[in-house]
Amino acid sequence: MRFGFQGWSYILVVVAAVIFSGTCLAKNVGGGKGKCDIYEGSWVVDDSYPMYNSTLCPHIRKEFDCQKYGRPDKLYLRYRWQPKGCHLPRFDGKDFLRRFKGKKIMYIGDSISLNQWQSMVCLVSCCCSRSF
């Protein structure tokens, strides 16, 4: 598949919109005046995670469902990103759908992008469905 200038500019706009929307939601801790950098931080354990059950989500391809195929530990499911000096709000699927209504999102890449897409669909599905 070949993209012309319009195709690449469309992709860059979508990527910028997704990054910008995440940056706007992050707030400085304590109301500080410094700029909030969501790219500096660390992974922390959060007992309220995971946000969905991968074995119940029909959008996860079977070869990517570690729990279904016997991975014994589950600690890796409880990590979330904590930016340094920022508060990053918990994902809200209904808010996400409201903000992106009528817009397109394009995932570009390899199996990691596929995993991210499947996870996003499961997150949105579980917030808007009682089947999870």
N, C-alpha and C. Protein backbone atom coordinates (compact mmCIF):
# COMPACT_ATOMS: atom_id res chain seq x y z
N MET A 1 0.84 -1.16 0.00
CA MET A 1 0.00 0.00 0.00
C MET A 1 0.89 1.23 0.00
N ARG A 2 0.52 2.17 -0.83
CA ARG A 2 1.33 3.37 -0.95
C ARG A 2 0.54 4.58 -0.51
N PHE A 3 1.14 5.44 0.29
CA PHE A 3 0.48 6.64 0.75
C PHE A 3 1.07 7.84 0.03
N GLY A 4 0.18 8.73 -0.41
CA GLY A 4 0.64 9.99 -0.95
C GLY A 4 0.80 10.97 0.21
N PHE A 5 1.01 12.23 -0.14
CA PHE A 5 1.20 13.25 0.89
C PHE A 5 -0.02 13.34 1.80
N GLN A 6 -1.22 13.28 1.21
CA GLN A 6 -2.45 13.38 2.01
C GLN A 6 -2.55 12.23 2.99
N GLY A 7 -2.22 11.02 2.56
CA GLY A 7 -2.29 9.85 3.44
C GLY A 7 -1.37 9.99 4.63
N TRP A 8 -0.13 10.39 4.39
CA TRP A 8 0.83 10.55 5.50
C TRP A 8 0.44 11.69 6.41
N SER A 9 -0.06 12.79 5.84
CA SER A 9 -0.45 13.90 6.70
C SER A 9 -1.65 13.51 7.56
N TYR A 10 -2.56 12.70 7.02
CA TYR A 10 -3.70 12.22 7.79
C TYR A 10 -3.22 11.36 8.96
N ILE A 11 -2.27 10.47 8.70
CA ILE A 11 -1.74 9.59 9.75
C ILE A 11 -1.07 10.42 10.84
N LEU A 12 -0.28 11.42 10.47
CA LEU A 12 0.39 12.26 11.45
C LEU A 12 -0.60 13.05 12.29
N VAL A 13 -1.68 13.51 11.67
CA VAL A 13 -2.70 14.25 12.41
C VAL A 13 -3.37 13.34 13.43
N VAL A 14 -3.68 12.09 13.05
CA VAL A 14 -4.31 11.15 13.97
C VAL A 14 -3.38 10.84 15.13
N VAL A 15 -2.12 10.55 14.85
CA VAL A 15 -1.15 10.25 15.90
C VAL A 15 -1.00 11.46 16.83
N ALA A 16 -0.90 12.65 16.27
CA ALA A 16 -0.77 13.86 17.08
C ALA A 16 -2.01 14.07 17.94
N ALA A 17 -3.19 13.80 17.40
CA ALA A 17 -4.43 13.97 18.17
C ALA A 17 -4.48 13.04 19.36
N VAL A 18 -4.07 11.79 19.16
CA VAL A 18 -4.07 10.83 20.26
C VAL A 18 -3.06 11.23 21.33
N ILE A 19 -1.86 11.62 20.92
CA ILE A 19 -0.84 12.04 21.88
C ILE A 19 -1.29 13.31 22.60
N PHE A 20 -1.83 14.27 21.85
CA PHE A 20 -2.25 15.53 22.44
C PHE A 20 -3.39 15.33 23.43
N SER A 21 -4.34 14.44 23.11
CA SER A 21 -5.47 14.22 24.03
C SER A 21 -4.98 13.64 25.34
N GLY A 22 -4.00 12.75 25.31
CA GLY A 22 -3.44 12.19 26.54
C GLY A 22 -2.68 13.23 27.33
N THR A 23 -1.96 14.10 26.64
CA THR A 23 -1.18 15.13 27.30
C THR A 23 -2.10 16.14 27.98
N CYS A 24 -3.22 16.48 27.36
CA CYS A 24 -4.14 17.46 27.94
C CYS A 24 -4.80 16.92 29.20
N LEU A 25 -5.00 15.63 29.30
CA LEU A 25 -5.66 15.06 30.46
C LEU A 25 -4.74 14.96 31.67
N ALA A 26 -3.43 14.90 31.44
CA ALA A 26 -2.47 14.79 32.55
C ALA A 26 -2.36 16.14 33.24
N LYS A 27 -2.41 16.12 34.57
CA LYS A 27 -2.34 17.35 35.36
C LYS A 27 -1.16 17.28 36.32
N ASN A 28 -0.56 18.43 36.59
CA ASN A 28 0.54 18.50 37.56
C ASN A 28 0.03 18.13 38.94
N VAL A 29 0.81 17.38 39.66
CA VAL A 29 0.47 17.04 41.03
C VAL A 29 0.69 18.26 41.91
N GLY A 30 -0.26 18.57 42.77
CA GLY A 30 -0.12 19.69 43.67
C GLY A 30 -0.31 21.04 43.01
N GLY A 31 -0.81 21.07 41.78
CA GLY A 31 -1.07 22.33 41.10
C GLY A 31 0.17 23.12 40.75
N GLY A 32 1.32 22.43 40.60
CA GLY A 32 2.57 23.10 40.26
C GLY A 32 2.49 23.79 38.92
N LYS A 33 3.41 24.72 38.70
CA LYS A 33 3.40 25.49 37.46
C LYS A 33 4.28 24.89 36.38
N GLY A 34 5.07 23.86 36.72
CA GLY A 34 5.93 23.23 35.73
C GLY A 34 5.12 22.45 34.71
N LYS A 35 5.74 22.18 33.60
CA LYS A 35 5.07 21.43 32.55
C LYS A 35 5.00 19.95 32.92
N CYS A 36 3.88 19.35 32.70
CA CYS A 36 3.68 17.93 32.99
C CYS A 36 4.23 17.11 31.82
N ASP A 37 5.20 16.27 32.06
CA ASP A 37 5.80 15.43 31.03
C ASP A 37 5.35 13.99 31.25
N ILE A 38 4.41 13.52 30.44
CA ILE A 38 3.87 12.17 30.63
C ILE A 38 4.85 11.08 30.22
N TYR A 39 5.97 11.46 29.61
CA TYR A 39 6.93 10.47 29.14
C TYR A 39 7.99 10.12 30.18
N GLU A 40 8.05 10.87 31.28
CA GLU A 40 8.98 10.55 32.36
C GLU A 40 8.17 10.00 33.52
N GLY A 41 8.58 8.85 34.03
CA GLY A 41 7.85 8.25 35.14
C GLY A 41 8.29 6.82 35.35
N SER A 42 7.41 6.05 35.95
CA SER A 42 7.73 4.65 36.21
C SER A 42 6.45 3.82 36.26
N TRP A 43 6.62 2.51 36.17
CA TRP A 43 5.51 1.58 36.28
C TRP A 43 5.27 1.29 37.75
N VAL A 44 4.03 1.41 38.20
CA VAL A 44 3.68 1.16 39.59
C VAL A 44 2.56 0.13 39.66
N VAL A 45 2.53 -0.63 40.76
CA VAL A 45 1.47 -1.61 40.96
C VAL A 45 0.22 -0.88 41.42
N ASP A 46 -0.91 -1.21 40.81
CA ASP A 46 -2.20 -0.62 41.16
C ASP A 46 -3.18 -1.77 41.36
N ASP A 47 -3.67 -1.92 42.59
CA ASP A 47 -4.55 -3.04 42.91
C ASP A 47 -5.92 -2.97 42.24
N SER A 48 -6.26 -1.84 41.65
CA SER A 48 -7.54 -1.73 40.94
C SER A 48 -7.46 -2.29 39.51
N TYR A 49 -6.27 -2.67 39.11
CA TYR A 49 -6.07 -3.25 37.77
C TYR A 49 -6.13 -4.77 37.87
N PRO A 50 -6.37 -5.50 36.80
CA PRO A 50 -6.58 -5.08 35.42
C PRO A 50 -7.96 -4.47 35.22
N MET A 51 -8.10 -3.72 34.15
CA MET A 51 -9.35 -3.03 33.88
C MET A 51 -10.35 -3.90 33.12
N TYR A 52 -9.90 -5.04 32.60
CA TYR A 52 -10.79 -5.99 31.94
C TYR A 52 -10.19 -7.38 32.07
N ASN A 53 -11.03 -8.38 31.90
CA ASN A 53 -10.60 -9.77 31.97
C ASN A 53 -10.32 -10.27 30.54
N SER A 54 -9.08 -10.54 30.24
CA SER A 54 -8.70 -10.91 28.87
C SER A 54 -9.33 -12.23 28.42
N THR A 55 -9.60 -13.13 29.34
CA THR A 55 -10.20 -14.41 28.93
C THR A 55 -11.67 -14.25 28.56
N LEU A 56 -12.31 -13.18 28.99
CA LEU A 56 -13.71 -12.94 28.66
C LEU A 56 -13.90 -11.99 27.48
N CYS A 57 -12.85 -11.30 27.09
CA CYS A 57 -12.97 -10.34 25.99
C CYS A 57 -12.85 -11.06 24.65
N PRO A 58 -13.89 -11.01 23.83
CA PRO A 58 -13.86 -11.71 22.54
C PRO A 58 -12.92 -11.09 21.50
N HIS A 59 -12.37 -9.94 21.80
CA HIS A 59 -11.51 -9.25 20.83
C HIS A 59 -10.04 -9.61 20.96
N ILE A 60 -9.66 -10.33 22.01
CA ILE A 60 -8.27 -10.76 22.19
C ILE A 60 -8.05 -12.03 21.39
N ARG A 61 -7.09 -12.01 20.49
CA ARG A 61 -6.78 -13.22 19.73
C ARG A 61 -6.23 -14.28 20.68
N LYS A 62 -6.62 -15.51 20.45
CA LYS A 62 -6.30 -16.59 21.40
C LYS A 62 -4.81 -16.74 21.65
N GLU A 63 -3.97 -16.50 20.66
CA GLU A 63 -2.53 -16.66 20.86
C GLU A 63 -1.91 -15.57 21.73
N PHE A 64 -2.66 -14.49 22.00
CA PHE A 64 -2.16 -13.42 22.85
C PHE A 64 -2.74 -13.44 24.25
N ASP A 65 -3.58 -14.42 24.57
CA ASP A 65 -4.20 -14.49 25.88
C ASP A 65 -3.36 -15.36 26.81
N CYS A 66 -2.46 -14.73 27.52
CA CYS A 66 -1.51 -15.45 28.39
C CYS A 66 -2.22 -16.23 29.49
N GLN A 67 -3.26 -15.65 30.07
CA GLN A 67 -3.96 -16.31 31.17
C GLN A 67 -4.69 -17.57 30.70
N LYS A 68 -5.27 -17.49 29.54
CA LYS A 68 -6.00 -18.64 29.00
C LYS A 68 -5.06 -19.82 28.76
N TYR A 69 -3.82 -19.52 28.40
CA TYR A 69 -2.87 -20.59 28.10
C TYR A 69 -1.94 -20.91 29.26
N GLY A 70 -2.35 -20.54 30.48
CA GLY A 70 -1.68 -21.03 31.66
C GLY A 70 -0.56 -20.22 32.26
N ARG A 71 -0.41 -18.96 31.92
CA ARG A 71 0.62 -18.17 32.60
C ARG A 71 0.24 -18.10 34.08
N PRO A 72 1.10 -18.56 34.97
CA PRO A 72 0.71 -18.70 36.37
C PRO A 72 0.63 -17.38 37.15
N ASP A 73 1.47 -16.40 36.82
CA ASP A 73 1.46 -15.16 37.58
C ASP A 73 0.50 -14.15 36.95
N LYS A 74 0.02 -13.24 37.78
CA LYS A 74 -0.88 -12.19 37.28
C LYS A 74 -0.42 -10.79 37.69
N LEU A 75 0.73 -10.70 38.33
CA LEU A 75 1.22 -9.40 38.79
C LEU A 75 1.41 -8.43 37.63
N TYR A 76 1.85 -8.93 36.49
CA TYR A 76 2.10 -8.04 35.35
C TYR A 76 0.83 -7.32 34.89
N LEU A 77 -0.34 -7.83 35.24
CA LEU A 77 -1.60 -7.22 34.85
C LEU A 77 -1.96 -6.01 35.72
N ARG A 78 -1.28 -5.82 36.83
CA ARG A 78 -1.64 -4.78 37.78
C ARG A 78 -0.76 -3.54 37.68
N TYR A 79 0.08 -3.45 36.67
CA TYR A 79 0.94 -2.27 36.53
C TYR A 79 0.25 -1.18 35.71
N ARG A 80 0.51 0.04 36.08
CA ARG A 80 0.06 1.20 35.31
C ARG A 80 1.20 2.22 35.26
N TRP A 81 1.16 3.08 34.28
CA TRP A 81 2.18 4.10 34.11
C TRP A 81 1.87 5.28 35.02
N GLN A 82 2.86 5.70 35.80
CA GLN A 82 2.72 6.87 36.68
C GLN A 82 3.75 7.91 36.27
N PRO A 83 3.30 8.95 35.54
CA PRO A 83 4.23 10.01 35.16
C PRO A 83 4.80 10.72 36.39
N LYS A 84 6.03 11.15 36.29
CA LYS A 84 6.71 11.83 37.40
C LYS A 84 6.09 13.23 37.58
N GLY A 85 5.54 13.47 38.75
CA GLY A 85 4.98 14.78 39.06
C GLY A 85 3.65 15.09 38.39
N CYS A 86 3.01 14.09 37.80
CA CYS A 86 1.74 14.31 37.10
C CYS A 86 0.69 13.32 37.60
N HIS A 87 -0.55 13.70 37.44
CA HIS A 87 -1.65 12.78 37.69
C HIS A 87 -2.26 12.44 36.33
N LEU A 88 -2.22 11.18 35.96
CA LEU A 88 -2.81 10.72 34.71
C LEU A 88 -4.11 10.03 35.06
N PRO A 89 -5.24 10.58 34.63
CA PRO A 89 -6.52 9.98 35.03
C PRO A 89 -6.70 8.57 34.48
N ARG A 90 -7.48 7.79 35.21
CA ARG A 90 -7.80 6.42 34.80
C ARG A 90 -8.59 6.47 33.50
N PHE A 91 -8.36 5.48 32.63
CA PHE A 91 -9.06 5.42 31.35
C PHE A 91 -10.55 5.33 31.60
N ASP A 92 -11.31 6.17 30.91
CA ASP A 92 -12.77 6.18 30.98
C ASP A 92 -13.29 5.92 29.57
N GLY A 93 -13.79 4.72 29.34
CA GLY A 93 -14.23 4.33 28.00
C GLY A 93 -15.34 5.19 27.45
N LYS A 94 -16.29 5.56 28.29
CA LYS A 94 -17.40 6.41 27.81
C LYS A 94 -16.90 7.79 27.42
N ASP A 95 -15.98 8.34 28.21
CA ASP A 95 -15.39 9.63 27.87
C ASP A 95 -14.58 9.51 26.57
N PHE A 96 -13.84 8.41 26.43
CA PHE A 96 -13.06 8.17 25.22
C PHE A 96 -13.99 8.16 23.99
N LEU A 97 -15.10 7.43 24.09
CA LEU A 97 -16.04 7.35 22.96
C LEU A 97 -16.65 8.72 22.66
N ARG A 98 -16.95 9.48 23.69
CA ARG A 98 -17.50 10.82 23.49
C ARG A 98 -16.49 11.72 22.77
N ARG A 99 -15.23 11.68 23.20
CA ARG A 99 -14.20 12.54 22.61
C ARG A 99 -13.86 12.15 21.16
N PHE A 100 -13.94 10.86 20.85
CA PHE A 100 -13.54 10.40 19.52
C PHE A 100 -14.72 10.09 18.61
N LYS A 101 -15.92 10.46 19.01
CA LYS A 101 -17.10 10.23 18.18
C LYS A 101 -16.92 10.92 16.83
N GLY A 102 -17.13 10.16 15.77
CA GLY A 102 -17.00 10.71 14.43
C GLY A 102 -15.58 10.83 13.92
N LYS A 103 -14.60 10.42 14.72
CA LYS A 103 -13.19 10.51 14.32
C LYS A 103 -12.65 9.12 14.03
N LYS A 104 -11.52 9.08 13.40
CA LYS A 104 -10.88 7.81 13.06
C LYS A 104 -9.57 7.69 13.81
N ILE A 105 -9.25 6.46 14.19
CA ILE A 105 -7.97 6.16 14.83
C ILE A 105 -7.29 5.09 13.99
N MET A 106 -6.03 5.30 13.70
CA MET A 106 -5.29 4.33 12.90
C MET A 106 -4.11 3.81 13.70
N TYR A 107 -4.02 2.51 13.82
CA TYR A 107 -2.88 1.87 14.47
C TYR A 107 -1.93 1.41 13.38
N ILE A 108 -0.67 1.79 13.50
CA ILE A 108 0.33 1.45 12.49
C ILE A 108 1.44 0.69 13.19
N GLY A 109 1.82 -0.43 12.64
CA GLY A 109 2.93 -1.15 13.23
C GLY A 109 2.79 -2.65 13.10
N ASP A 110 3.33 -3.35 14.10
CA ASP A 110 3.38 -4.81 14.06
C ASP A 110 2.43 -5.40 15.09
N SER A 111 2.78 -6.54 15.65
CA SER A 111 1.90 -7.22 16.59
C SER A 111 1.69 -6.41 17.88
N ILE A 112 2.63 -5.54 18.22
CA ILE A 112 2.45 -4.68 19.40
C ILE A 112 1.27 -3.74 19.15
N SER A 113 1.18 -3.19 17.96
CA SER A 113 0.05 -2.32 17.62
C SER A 113 -1.25 -3.12 17.65
N LEU A 114 -1.20 -4.34 17.20
CA LEU A 114 -2.38 -5.21 17.25
C LEU A 114 -2.80 -5.44 18.70
N ASN A 115 -1.83 -5.69 19.59
CA ASN A 115 -2.14 -5.87 21.01
C ASN A 115 -2.76 -4.60 21.59
N GLN A 116 -2.23 -3.45 21.21
CA GLN A 116 -2.77 -2.19 21.73
C GLN A 116 -4.20 -1.97 21.24
N TRP A 117 -4.46 -2.28 19.98
CA TRP A 117 -5.81 -2.14 19.45
C TRP A 117 -6.77 -3.08 20.17
N GLN A 118 -6.38 -4.34 20.35
CA GLN A 118 -7.25 -5.29 21.03
C GLN A 118 -7.53 -4.85 22.46
N SER A 119 -6.52 -4.35 23.14
CA SER A 119 -6.69 -3.88 24.51
C SER A 119 -7.63 -2.68 24.56
N MET A 120 -7.47 -1.74 23.64
CA MET A 120 -8.35 -0.58 23.61
C MET A 120 -9.80 -0.99 23.36
N VAL A 121 -10.02 -1.92 22.44
CA VAL A 121 -11.37 -2.38 22.16
C VAL A 121 -11.97 -3.09 23.38
N CYS A 122 -11.17 -3.87 24.09
CA CYS A 122 -11.66 -4.53 25.31
C CYS A 122 -11.97 -3.50 26.40
N LEU A 123 -11.13 -2.48 26.55
CA LEU A 123 -11.40 -1.44 27.53
C LEU A 123 -12.71 -0.71 27.24
N VAL A 124 -12.93 -0.38 25.98
CA VAL A 124 -14.16 0.33 25.60
C VAL A 124 -15.36 -0.61 25.73
N SER A 125 -15.18 -1.87 25.32
CA SER A 125 -16.28 -2.83 25.39
C SER A 125 -16.73 -3.07 26.82
N CYS A 126 -15.78 -3.21 27.75
CA CYS A 126 -16.16 -3.52 29.13
C CYS A 126 -16.82 -2.35 29.82
N CYS A 127 -16.54 -1.14 29.40
CA CYS A 127 -17.18 0.02 30.04
C CYS A 127 -18.58 0.23 29.50
N CYS A 128 -18.84 -0.27 28.32
CA CYS A 128 -20.13 0.00 27.66
C CYS A 128 -21.00 -1.25 27.57
N SER A 129 -20.55 -2.32 28.17
CA SER A 129 -21.28 -3.58 28.10
C SER A 129 -21.30 -4.23 29.48
N ARG A 130 -22.35 -4.92 29.77
CA ARG A 130 -22.45 -5.61 31.06
C ARG A 130 -21.98 -7.05 30.95
N SER A 131 -21.51 -7.48 29.78
CA SER A 131 -21.08 -8.86 29.60
C SER A 131 -19.70 -9.16 30.17
N PHE A 132 -18.96 -8.13 30.61
CA PHE A 132 -17.63 -8.35 31.17
C PHE A 132 -17.71 -8.35 32.66
